[in-house]
Amino acid sequence: MEIQRKLDRLISFLKNINSLAVAFSGGVDSTFLLYMSKKFVKENVIAITSVSEIHKEKDIRQAEAIAKEIKVHHIKIDTEELSVPEFVKNDKNRCYWCKKNMYKKIIDLAKKHNINTVVHGANVDDMYDYRPGNKAAEELGVIAPLAYAGLRKDEIREIAKRLGIDVWNKPSSPCLATRIPYRHEITKERLRMVERAEDILEELGFTQVRVRHYEDLAKIEVSEESLNEILKMRKKILSAFKEVGFLFVALDIEGFSSGKLNKLLSL
């Protein structure tokens, strides 16, 4: 079976590692990688989570809970992306500068725990999308064991479900900076507005959401199946978003699509 062959390759890789640090977000990929590392790495495994304005507070809390459940030592590190000028200006290499800053700090912290191997949860699908952060990882020697094993996102979810990993079907949740169009400066206030707006939609029962920040306008993306439902709550959402600070609210009738702002790179 193809998926078992890939899983065996991942296990073989991990068994040859004495100790490692997992760059841990709490999403399905890094959770699966942490679970497998804990099970098969010979000695020490730690999880390191980036904490800053670009990450949702609830995602960080969930990462803490997951690491505790897996029984792995968990460390939170302030990565201070807003202090990196190249990141703040938000050009097409934003993700490169973000990841380079983060991985450098994770590597330094791992070395303090006598760990020289740092891994991250990128899978094969990530290698075919525009992900300049993967270049930063490669330059710094941060390894992607899931991609090495040839595992796709749907396969990771399938295995995680089989293993009883609670977040096997958790929607992808990239950093909040991805909600701000390229060439629009990333600020603490804009990130806060996006986080609060998405929290509002999730509190109303929508699971796969994005709120894109276009200055005074918020553009909502939900799954195609949720388009009619969100229109029924139009007045409630409009009122709540205005309290957040948006003057105008729009609904993207194309529906949710991951990485949609990358279309702007060709303009």
Protein backbone atom coordinates (compact mmCIF):
# COMPACT_ATOMS: atom_id res chain seq x y z
CA MET A 1 0.00 0.00 0.00
CA GLU A 2 1.46 3.35 -1.08
CA ILE A 3 0.55 5.24 2.09
CA GLN A 4 2.14 2.54 4.29
CA ARG A 5 5.36 2.73 2.26
CA LYS A 6 5.50 6.47 2.90
CA LEU A 7 4.77 6.00 6.59
CA ASP A 8 7.55 3.41 6.85
CA ARG A 9 9.95 5.87 5.25
CA LEU A 10 9.03 8.51 7.83
CA ILE A 11 9.47 6.05 10.70
CA SER A 12 12.85 4.94 9.36
CA PHE A 13 14.00 8.56 9.18
CA LEU A 14 12.91 9.31 12.74
CA LYS A 15 14.48 6.16 14.17
CA ASN A 16 17.87 7.37 12.94
CA ILE A 17 17.60 10.63 14.90
CA ASN A 18 18.85 10.79 18.48
CA SER A 19 17.07 14.00 19.43
CA LEU A 20 15.17 16.74 17.65
CA ALA A 21 13.11 19.90 18.03
CA VAL A 22 9.81 20.27 16.20
CA ALA A 23 8.75 23.73 15.02
CA PHE A 24 5.26 23.25 16.37
CA SER A 25 2.16 25.24 15.42
CA GLY A 26 -0.52 22.85 16.64
CA GLY A 27 -1.88 22.24 13.15
CA VAL A 28 -2.45 18.73 11.84
CA ASP A 29 0.93 18.46 10.08
CA SER A 30 3.16 19.53 12.96
CA THR A 31 0.99 17.63 15.47
CA PHE A 32 1.32 14.42 13.46
CA LEU A 33 5.06 15.00 13.14
CA LEU A 34 5.39 15.63 16.88
CA TYR A 35 3.38 12.50 17.69
CA MET A 36 5.53 10.34 15.42
CA SER A 37 8.76 11.94 16.69
CA LYS A 38 7.82 11.24 20.29
CA LYS A 39 7.14 7.62 19.38
CA PHE A 40 10.20 6.85 17.25
CA VAL A 41 13.05 9.29 17.98
CA LYS A 42 15.63 7.59 20.20
CA GLU A 43 16.03 10.14 22.96
CA ASN A 44 14.92 13.73 23.45
CA VAL A 45 12.07 15.46 21.60
CA ILE A 46 10.93 19.01 22.30
CA ALA A 47 8.26 21.19 20.69
CA ILE A 48 8.96 24.88 20.07
CA THR A 49 6.09 27.23 19.26
CA SER A 50 6.43 30.73 17.87
CA VAL A 51 4.47 33.33 19.83
CA SER A 52 3.82 36.78 18.38
CA GLU A 53 1.12 39.06 16.99
CA ILE A 54 0.90 37.07 13.76
CA HIS A 55 -0.40 33.96 15.52
CA LYS A 56 -3.87 33.52 16.96
CA GLU A 57 -3.95 33.23 20.74
CA LYS A 58 -6.32 30.26 20.58
CA ASP A 59 -3.93 28.38 18.26
CA ILE A 60 -1.11 28.87 20.76
CA ARG A 61 -3.31 27.62 23.62
CA GLN A 62 -4.26 24.58 21.55
CA ALA A 63 -0.59 23.87 20.79
CA GLU A 64 0.14 23.92 24.52
CA ALA A 65 -2.68 21.45 25.20
CA ILE A 66 -1.59 19.10 22.41
CA ALA A 67 2.06 19.02 23.52
CA LYS A 68 0.90 18.27 27.06
CA GLU A 69 -1.29 15.42 25.81
CA ILE A 70 1.55 13.93 23.76
CA LYS A 71 3.81 14.41 26.82
CA VAL A 72 6.48 16.42 25.07
CA HIS A 73 8.39 19.30 26.63
CA HIS A 74 6.90 22.44 25.09
CA ILE A 75 8.63 25.80 24.83
CA LYS A 76 7.11 29.03 23.59
CA ILE A 77 9.44 31.56 22.02
CA ASP A 78 8.72 35.19 21.15
CA THR A 79 9.77 35.54 17.53
CA GLU A 80 8.96 39.29 17.20
CA GLU A 81 8.26 39.33 13.46
CA LEU A 82 7.12 42.96 13.60
CA SER A 83 10.69 43.94 14.43
CA VAL A 84 11.87 42.58 11.05
CA PRO A 85 11.62 45.43 8.46
CA GLU A 86 11.65 43.08 5.46
CA PHE A 87 8.66 41.24 6.89
CA VAL A 88 6.69 44.35 7.82
CA LYS A 89 6.90 45.86 4.33
CA ASN A 90 5.05 42.76 3.10
CA ASP A 91 6.45 42.09 -0.35
CA LYS A 92 6.33 38.71 -2.09
CA ASN A 93 9.20 37.44 0.10
CA ARG A 94 7.38 38.16 3.35
CA CYS A 95 7.14 34.48 4.25
CA TYR A 96 10.87 33.98 3.60
CA TRP A 97 11.86 36.68 6.09
CA CYS A 98 9.30 35.48 8.63
CA LYS A 99 10.50 31.89 8.56
CA LYS A 100 14.17 32.81 8.46
CA ASN A 101 13.74 34.91 11.59
CA MET A 102 11.70 32.20 13.33
CA TYR A 103 13.92 29.25 12.41
CA LYS A 104 17.08 31.04 13.50
CA LYS A 105 15.59 31.55 16.95
CA ILE A 106 14.30 27.99 17.14
CA ILE A 107 17.71 26.61 16.10
CA ASP A 108 19.46 28.70 18.76
CA LEU A 109 17.03 27.54 21.42
CA ALA A 110 17.33 23.90 20.35
CA LYS A 111 21.13 24.09 20.66
CA LYS A 112 20.74 25.27 24.26
CA HIS A 113 18.98 21.95 24.85
CA ASN A 114 21.80 20.06 23.09
CA ILE A 115 19.64 19.39 20.05
CA ASN A 116 21.07 19.93 16.58
CA THR A 117 18.19 18.65 14.43
CA VAL A 118 15.19 20.93 13.85
CA VAL A 119 12.22 19.78 11.77
CA HIS A 120 9.05 21.39 10.46
CA GLY A 121 5.72 20.05 9.21
CA ALA A 122 5.77 20.92 5.50
CA ASN A 123 4.30 18.15 3.34
CA VAL A 124 4.58 17.31 -0.36
CA ASP A 125 1.63 19.55 -1.30
CA ASP A 126 3.44 22.53 0.22
CA MET A 127 6.30 22.03 -2.19
CA TYR A 128 4.05 22.83 -5.16
CA ASP A 129 2.58 26.05 -3.74
CA TYR A 130 4.28 29.44 -3.48
CA ARG A 131 6.01 28.97 -0.11
CA PRO A 132 9.21 31.05 0.12
CA GLY A 133 9.42 30.02 3.78
CA ASN A 134 10.51 26.58 2.61
CA LYS A 135 13.58 28.19 1.04
CA ALA A 136 14.49 29.72 4.40
CA ALA A 137 14.13 26.32 6.06
CA GLU A 138 16.36 24.70 3.44
CA GLU A 139 19.03 27.39 3.79
CA LEU A 140 19.14 26.93 7.56
CA GLY A 141 19.08 23.13 7.48
CA VAL A 142 15.59 22.74 8.94
CA ILE A 143 14.25 19.41 7.69
CA ALA A 144 10.76 18.53 6.43
CA PRO A 145 10.38 14.80 7.21
CA LEU A 146 6.78 14.60 5.97
CA ALA A 147 7.78 15.92 2.56
CA TYR A 148 10.83 13.65 2.58
CA ALA A 149 8.52 10.68 3.13
CA GLY A 150 6.32 11.83 0.24
CA LEU A 151 3.22 12.36 2.39
CA ARG A 152 0.40 14.55 1.08
CA LYS A 153 -2.00 16.52 3.25
CA ASP A 154 -4.92 14.15 2.75
CA GLU A 155 -2.71 11.18 3.63
CA ILE A 156 -1.52 12.88 6.81
CA ARG A 157 -5.12 13.53 7.83
CA GLU A 158 -6.03 9.90 7.11
CA ILE A 159 -3.16 8.52 9.22
CA ALA A 160 -3.76 11.05 12.00
CA LYS A 161 -7.42 10.03 12.16
CA ARG A 162 -6.43 6.37 12.33
CA LEU A 163 -4.05 7.15 15.21
CA GLY A 164 -6.74 9.03 17.12
CA ILE A 165 -5.08 12.45 16.83
CA ASP A 166 -7.85 14.92 17.69
CA VAL A 167 -6.81 17.63 15.22
CA TRP A 168 -6.79 15.31 12.20
CA ASN A 169 -9.54 17.41 10.55
CA LYS A 170 -8.52 20.84 11.87
CA PRO A 171 -8.75 23.46 9.09
CA SER A 172 -5.47 24.97 7.97
CA SER A 173 -4.66 28.13 9.90
CA PRO A 174 -1.71 30.02 8.42
CA CYS A 175 -0.41 33.11 10.17
CA LEU A 176 -2.53 36.25 10.27
CA ALA A 177 -0.12 38.12 7.99
CA THR A 178 -1.46 36.05 5.09
CA ARG A 179 -4.74 38.00 5.38
CA ILE A 180 -3.04 41.28 4.48
CA PRO A 181 -2.47 41.84 0.73
CA TYR A 182 1.09 42.15 -0.51
CA ARG A 183 2.54 45.67 -0.44
CA HIS A 184 0.23 46.65 2.45
CA GLU A 185 2.28 47.21 5.60
CA ILE A 186 1.78 44.64 8.35
CA THR A 187 0.91 46.30 11.67
CA LYS A 188 -0.17 45.06 15.07
CA GLU A 189 -3.52 46.82 14.71
CA ARG A 190 -4.32 45.21 11.34
CA LEU A 191 -3.44 41.78 12.69
CA ARG A 192 -5.64 42.36 15.74
CA MET A 193 -8.58 43.37 13.55
CA VAL A 194 -8.26 40.25 11.41
CA GLU A 195 -8.00 37.95 14.42
CA ARG A 196 -11.05 39.45 16.11
CA ALA A 197 -13.11 39.39 12.90
CA GLU A 198 -12.31 35.72 12.26
CA ASP A 199 -13.11 34.89 15.89
CA ILE A 200 -16.55 36.48 15.39
CA LEU A 201 -17.27 34.28 12.38
CA GLU A 202 -16.06 31.15 14.15
CA GLU A 203 -18.19 31.98 17.18
CA LEU A 204 -21.15 32.07 14.78
CA GLY A 205 -20.35 28.51 13.70
CA PHE A 206 -18.26 28.98 10.54
CA THR A 207 -15.20 26.72 10.58
CA GLN A 208 -13.26 27.50 7.39
CA VAL A 209 -12.93 31.28 7.29
CA ARG A 210 -10.60 34.03 6.17
CA VAL A 211 -10.99 37.77 6.63
CA ARG A 212 -8.79 39.73 4.23
CA HIS A 213 -7.80 43.20 5.39
CA TYR A 214 -8.15 45.84 2.66
CA GLU A 215 -7.68 48.98 4.74
CA ASP A 216 -11.23 50.06 5.72
CA LEU A 217 -12.79 47.04 4.00
CA ALA A 218 -12.96 43.48 5.31
CA LYS A 219 -13.45 40.78 2.67
CA ILE A 220 -14.92 37.56 4.05
CA GLU A 221 -14.15 34.14 2.61
CA VAL A 222 -16.10 31.06 3.69
CA SER A 223 -16.74 27.72 2.02
CA GLU A 224 -19.19 27.69 -0.89
CA GLU A 225 -21.59 25.68 1.26
CA SER A 226 -21.67 28.51 3.83
CA LEU A 227 -22.33 31.43 1.47
CA ASN A 228 -26.10 31.40 1.88
CA GLU A 229 -25.86 30.93 5.63
CA ILE A 230 -23.52 33.88 6.13
CA LEU A 231 -25.87 36.17 4.20
CA LYS A 232 -28.64 35.29 6.65
CA MET A 233 -26.43 36.76 9.41
CA ARG A 234 -25.47 39.82 7.37
CA LYS A 235 -26.69 42.47 9.83
CA LYS A 236 -25.15 40.81 12.87
CA ILE A 237 -21.79 40.38 11.11
CA LEU A 238 -21.81 43.92 9.73
CA SER A 239 -22.45 45.38 13.17
CA ALA A 240 -19.75 43.25 14.82
CA PHE A 241 -17.15 44.02 12.15
CA LYS A 242 -17.77 47.75 12.48
CA GLU A 243 -17.06 47.44 16.20
CA VAL A 244 -13.76 45.81 15.27
CA GLY A 245 -12.90 48.88 13.17
CA PHE A 246 -13.90 48.07 9.59
CA LEU A 247 -16.06 50.60 7.75
CA PHE A 248 -17.10 48.25 4.94
CA VAL A 249 -17.67 44.50 4.73
CA ALA A 250 -17.70 42.42 1.52
CA LEU A 251 -18.32 38.73 0.84
CA ASP A 252 -16.17 36.89 -1.68
CA ILE A 253 -18.75 34.94 -3.68
CA GLU A 254 -16.05 32.69 -5.11
CA GLY A 255 -15.76 31.16 -1.65
CA PHE A 256 -12.74 30.22 0.44
CA SER A 257 -9.48 29.41 -1.30
CA SER A 258 -6.15 28.95 0.45
CA GLY A 259 -3.38 31.25 -0.77
CA LYS A 260 -5.78 33.43 -2.75
CA LEU A 261 -3.69 36.57 -2.26
CA ASN A 262 -0.83 34.91 -4.16
CA LYS A 263 -2.78 35.74 -7.32
CA LEU A 264 -1.65 39.33 -6.82
CA LEU A 265 1.96 38.30 -7.42
CA SER A 266 1.35 38.17 -11.17
CA LEU A 267 0.05 41.74 -11.30
